[in-house]
Amino acid sequence: MKNRIEIVKGDITKLQADAIVNAANRTLLGGGGVDGAIHQAAGPELLEECKKLGGCNTGEAKITKGYHLPSKYVIHTVGPVWRGGDKNEPELLANCYRNSLLLAKKYQIHSLAFPSISTGIYGYPIEKASVIALQEIAKFLKTEEIPEKVIIVCYSDHDYQIYLQNFNQILTSEKN
């Protein structure tokens, strides 16, 4: 498992991967944070394609071309807004990862990069979100061959350290 999941600190819009995941809003028409950066780097063609998709519900995922990005595809998923954790947020967040991975499998995407979904303006605590992300990715990769590689791209040192710590704990608990 360790060789199929990588955690890096960096800019997801510059990453060499078959596809990157966009932490989008329901309109899919761009916004702030990762969403805005991906739309800006991909160019106006991404917005035009997204307009034809009719939005996206929380927990679901849709795919577009990558246009001017190094990635061939962008998988857009809408994470939940944190409202204390008792409004189905964990399941909705898990669905973001699961549905994105299912699209990667369907489109034969061998390398897929995720940002930390919902942990920016949507306020999901990084400690909780990172565990859900890592558990969902690990569970999927146990039974599926594609994607071959999943990269989690953290924007800050703080998020990177939390993902690394939780990744090591998850790997240790799987061995026991």
Protein backbone atom coordinates (compact mmCIF):
# COMPACT_ATOMS: atom_id res chain seq x y z
CA MET A 1 0.00 0.00 0.00
CA LYS A 2 2.78 2.41 0.92
CA ASN A 3 4.19 2.35 -2.62
CA ARG A 4 0.80 3.30 -4.13
CA ILE A 5 0.04 6.32 -1.93
CA GLU A 6 2.32 9.32 -1.81
CA ILE A 7 1.95 12.48 0.24
CA VAL A 8 3.63 15.62 -1.07
CA LYS A 9 3.66 19.32 -0.31
CA GLY A 10 3.13 21.49 -3.33
CA ASP A 11 0.88 22.99 -5.96
CA ILE A 12 -1.60 20.51 -7.42
CA THR A 13 -1.91 22.56 -10.63
CA LYS A 14 1.75 21.88 -11.47
CA LEU A 15 1.72 18.17 -10.65
CA GLN A 16 2.42 15.58 -13.32
CA ALA A 17 -0.45 13.10 -12.97
CA ASP A 18 -3.03 11.63 -15.34
CA ALA A 19 -5.72 13.46 -13.38
CA ILE A 20 -6.08 15.87 -10.50
CA VAL A 21 -9.09 16.23 -8.24
CA ASN A 22 -10.70 19.61 -7.83
CA ALA A 23 -12.29 20.45 -4.48
CA ALA A 24 -15.12 22.24 -6.27
CA ASN A 25 -18.29 24.02 -5.27
CA ARG A 26 -21.72 22.81 -6.41
CA THR A 27 -21.79 25.03 -9.50
CA LEU A 28 -18.43 23.71 -10.79
CA LEU A 29 -17.88 27.22 -12.16
CA GLY A 30 -14.78 28.08 -10.16
CA GLY A 31 -14.30 29.69 -6.79
CA GLY A 32 -11.52 30.26 -4.30
CA GLY A 33 -8.69 28.11 -3.04
CA VAL A 34 -7.84 24.96 -5.00
CA ASP A 35 -10.93 25.38 -7.19
CA GLY A 36 -9.93 28.86 -8.34
CA ALA A 37 -6.31 27.85 -8.88
CA ILE A 38 -7.30 24.86 -11.02
CA HIS A 39 -9.70 26.92 -13.13
CA GLN A 40 -7.07 29.62 -13.61
CA ALA A 41 -4.33 27.16 -14.59
CA ALA A 42 -6.59 25.12 -16.90
CA GLY A 43 -7.82 28.15 -18.80
CA PRO A 44 -11.27 29.31 -19.95
CA GLU A 45 -12.03 26.03 -21.74
CA LEU A 46 -12.46 24.30 -18.37
CA LEU A 47 -15.16 26.76 -17.35
CA GLU A 48 -16.96 26.27 -20.67
CA GLU A 49 -16.98 22.48 -20.23
CA CYS A 50 -18.09 22.78 -16.59
CA LYS A 51 -21.04 24.96 -17.62
CA LYS A 52 -22.38 21.96 -19.58
CA LEU A 53 -22.26 19.60 -16.57
CA GLY A 54 -25.16 21.11 -14.63
CA GLY A 55 -23.33 21.36 -11.34
CA CYS A 56 -22.53 18.57 -8.91
CA ASN A 57 -24.06 17.46 -5.61
CA THR A 58 -22.01 17.13 -2.42
CA GLY A 59 -20.16 13.81 -2.34
CA GLU A 60 -20.49 13.21 -6.07
CA ALA A 61 -17.82 13.60 -8.77
CA LYS A 62 -17.69 14.59 -12.44
CA ILE A 63 -14.83 14.57 -14.93
CA THR A 64 -13.57 17.06 -17.51
CA LYS A 65 -10.49 17.51 -19.65
CA GLY A 66 -7.47 19.20 -18.07
CA TYR A 67 -6.85 21.69 -20.90
CA HIS A 68 -3.76 23.76 -20.01
CA LEU A 69 -2.92 21.73 -16.90
CA PRO A 70 -0.18 19.06 -17.00
CA SER A 71 -2.99 16.56 -16.23
CA LYS A 72 -5.18 15.09 -18.95
CA TYR A 73 -8.26 15.15 -16.71
CA VAL A 74 -9.79 17.03 -13.79
CA ILE A 75 -12.17 15.17 -11.50
CA HIS A 76 -14.43 17.66 -9.74
CA THR A 77 -15.93 16.69 -6.40
CA VAL A 78 -17.92 18.74 -3.92
CA GLY A 79 -16.97 18.24 -0.30
CA PRO A 80 -19.23 18.93 2.65
CA VAL A 81 -19.20 22.14 4.63
CA TRP A 82 -18.26 21.32 8.25
CA ARG A 83 -21.24 21.85 10.54
CA GLY A 84 -19.95 20.07 13.63
CA GLY A 85 -19.80 16.52 12.27
CA ASP A 86 -23.37 15.40 12.91
CA LYS A 87 -24.82 16.41 9.52
CA ASN A 88 -23.48 13.38 7.59
CA GLU A 89 -20.21 15.18 6.85
CA PRO A 90 -17.95 12.10 7.31
CA GLU A 91 -19.97 9.99 4.87
CA LEU A 92 -20.23 12.81 2.35
CA LEU A 93 -16.48 13.38 2.51
CA ALA A 94 -15.80 9.65 2.12
CA ASN A 95 -18.10 9.68 -0.93
CA CYS A 96 -15.95 12.42 -2.51
CA TYR A 97 -12.90 10.18 -2.40
CA ARG A 98 -14.76 7.00 -3.34
CA ASN A 99 -16.58 8.56 -6.31
CA SER A 100 -13.40 10.24 -7.57
CA LEU A 101 -11.55 6.92 -7.40
CA LEU A 102 -14.40 5.19 -9.25
CA LEU A 103 -14.14 7.75 -12.05
CA ALA A 104 -10.37 7.22 -12.17
CA LYS A 105 -10.95 3.49 -12.58
CA LYS A 106 -13.61 4.01 -15.28
CA TYR A 107 -11.35 6.33 -17.29
CA GLN A 108 -8.23 4.17 -16.76
CA ILE A 109 -6.42 6.95 -14.89
CA HIS A 110 -3.19 5.46 -13.60
CA SER A 111 -2.03 8.37 -11.44
CA LEU A 112 -4.47 10.54 -9.50
CA ALA A 113 -3.75 13.53 -7.26
CA PHE A 114 -6.09 14.72 -4.50
CA PRO A 115 -6.04 17.98 -2.57
CA SER A 116 -7.28 17.96 1.01
CA ILE A 117 -11.01 18.17 0.28
CA SER A 118 -13.22 20.42 2.46
CA THR A 119 -10.42 21.55 4.78
CA GLY A 120 -10.11 25.08 3.42
CA ILE A 121 -13.03 27.49 3.39
CA TYR A 122 -15.47 24.61 4.06
CA GLY A 123 -13.88 24.30 7.51
CA TYR A 124 -13.57 20.51 7.86
CA PRO A 125 -10.93 19.84 10.57
CA ILE A 126 -7.78 18.58 8.85
CA GLU A 127 -7.17 15.95 11.54
CA LYS A 128 -10.54 14.30 10.85
CA ALA A 129 -10.58 14.87 7.08
CA SER A 130 -7.12 13.38 6.55
CA VAL A 131 -8.07 10.14 8.30
CA ILE A 132 -11.21 9.77 6.16
CA ALA A 133 -9.23 10.52 2.99
CA LEU A 134 -6.47 8.04 3.76
CA GLN A 135 -8.85 5.28 4.89
CA GLU A 136 -11.01 5.61 1.76
CA ILE A 137 -8.03 5.65 -0.58
CA ALA A 138 -6.39 2.67 1.16
CA LYS A 139 -9.66 0.69 1.16
CA PHE A 140 -10.16 1.31 -2.56
CA LEU A 141 -6.60 0.42 -3.52
CA LYS A 142 -6.80 -2.89 -1.62
CA THR A 143 -9.27 -4.25 -4.16
CA GLU A 144 -8.54 -2.21 -7.31
CA GLU A 145 -5.49 -2.04 -9.57
CA ILE A 146 -6.35 1.37 -11.03
CA PRO A 147 -5.34 3.97 -10.16
CA GLU A 148 -1.87 2.57 -9.68
CA LYS A 149 -0.70 5.66 -7.80
CA VAL A 150 -2.58 8.16 -5.63
CA ILE A 151 -0.86 11.36 -4.60
CA ILE A 152 -2.19 13.59 -1.84
CA VAL A 153 -1.03 17.14 -2.41
CA CYS A 154 -0.89 19.34 0.68
CA TYR A 155 -0.57 23.07 0.28
CA SER A 156 0.81 23.87 3.75
CA ASP A 157 3.49 22.34 5.96
CA HIS A 158 0.88 21.92 8.70
CA ASP A 159 -1.45 19.84 6.51
CA TYR A 160 1.48 17.86 5.12
CA GLN A 161 2.65 16.90 8.63
CA ILE A 162 -0.86 15.82 9.68
CA TYR A 163 -1.32 13.67 6.57
CA LEU A 164 2.10 12.05 7.08
CA GLN A 165 1.37 11.30 10.74
CA ASN A 166 -2.05 9.79 10.00
CA PHE A 167 -0.70 7.86 7.01
CA ASN A 168 1.98 6.25 9.19
CA GLN A 169 -0.61 5.38 11.86
CA ILE A 170 -2.95 3.82 9.28
CA LEU A 171 -0.12 1.76 7.79
CA THR A 172 0.96 0.61 11.25
CA SER A 173 -2.58 -0.43 12.22
CA GLU A 174 -2.99 -2.37 8.94
CA LYS A 175 0.12 -4.43 9.72
CA ASN A 176 -1.25 -5.47 13.12
